[in-house]
Protein backbone atom coordinates (compact mmCIF):
# COMPACT_ATOMS: atom_id res chain seq x y z
CA MET A 1 -129.26 14.92 153.45
CA ASN A 2 -129.60 11.15 153.45
CA ILE A 3 -133.06 9.95 154.43
CA GLN A 4 -133.29 6.43 155.79
CA LYS A 5 -136.32 4.52 154.51
CA PHE A 6 -137.77 1.37 155.97
CA ASP A 7 -141.13 -0.35 156.08
CA THR A 8 -144.05 1.21 157.93
CA LEU A 9 -144.67 -0.32 161.34
CA ASP A 10 -147.25 -3.09 161.33
CA LYS A 11 -148.12 -6.22 163.34
CA GLU A 12 -145.60 -8.35 161.49
CA ASN A 13 -142.43 -6.23 161.57
CA TYR A 14 -142.27 -4.62 165.02
CA ASP A 15 -138.91 -6.16 166.02
CA THR A 16 -137.17 -5.14 162.80
CA TRP A 17 -138.81 -1.70 162.79
CA ARG A 18 -137.76 -1.07 166.39
CA ILE A 19 -134.11 -1.99 165.74
CA LEU A 20 -133.99 0.23 162.65
CA MET A 21 -135.71 3.15 164.42
CA GLU A 22 -133.35 2.95 167.41
CA ALA A 23 -130.35 2.84 165.05
CA LEU A 24 -131.66 5.88 163.17
CA LEU A 25 -132.22 7.78 166.41
CA GLU A 26 -128.70 6.89 167.61
CA LYS A 27 -127.19 8.00 164.29
CA THR A 28 -129.00 11.34 164.36
CA ASP A 29 -128.41 11.94 168.10
CA GLY A 30 -132.14 11.85 168.73
CA ILE A 31 -132.33 8.90 171.11
CA GLN A 32 -131.67 11.08 174.19
CA TYR A 33 -134.72 13.20 173.39
CA VAL A 34 -136.91 10.12 172.99
CA ASN A 35 -135.77 8.17 176.05
CA GLY A 36 -135.79 11.20 178.35
CA THR A 37 -132.09 11.31 179.24
CA LYS A 38 -131.73 14.77 177.71
CA ILE A 39 -134.03 17.05 179.68
CA ARG A 40 -135.25 20.39 178.34
CA PRO A 41 -133.67 23.31 180.23
CA VAL A 42 -136.08 24.93 182.67
CA LEU A 43 -136.47 28.67 182.30
CA PRO A 44 -135.69 30.55 185.51
CA THR A 45 -138.36 32.81 186.96
CA GLY A 46 -135.85 35.26 188.36
CA GLY A 47 -132.19 36.12 188.11
CA ASP A 48 -130.29 38.36 185.78
CA SER A 49 -131.20 38.72 182.14
CA ALA A 50 -127.88 37.31 180.87
CA ALA A 51 -128.44 34.02 182.70
CA ARG A 52 -132.04 33.90 181.54
CA ASP A 53 -130.99 34.58 177.94
CA ALA A 54 -128.42 31.76 178.12
CA VAL A 55 -131.01 29.28 179.42
CA LEU A 56 -133.51 30.47 176.81
CA ALA A 57 -130.93 29.86 174.06
CA ASP A 58 -130.28 26.36 175.45
CA ALA A 59 -134.04 25.69 175.56
CA ASP A 60 -134.43 26.88 171.96
CA LYS A 61 -131.59 24.57 170.88
CA TRP A 62 -133.21 21.68 172.77
CA ASP A 63 -136.57 22.38 171.08
CA SER A 64 -134.89 22.42 167.67
CA MET A 65 -133.11 19.11 168.26
CA ASP A 66 -136.27 17.56 169.72
CA ARG A 67 -138.17 18.31 166.49
CA LYS A 68 -135.63 16.52 164.28
């Protein structure tokens, strides 16, 4: 695992920090979770258990990716 390191955000380096953070999020496929384009699956209140299990699995995957 390669961990990208860059300076901590402060008053002087916002522009550089932002560009690096966006690049890191793009590289790790995390930008969609941050900007809201990838929405967490909504669990159904009814329906059959197979459909509910499938949505639950998708929601678990979303949660896992959102934490990265």
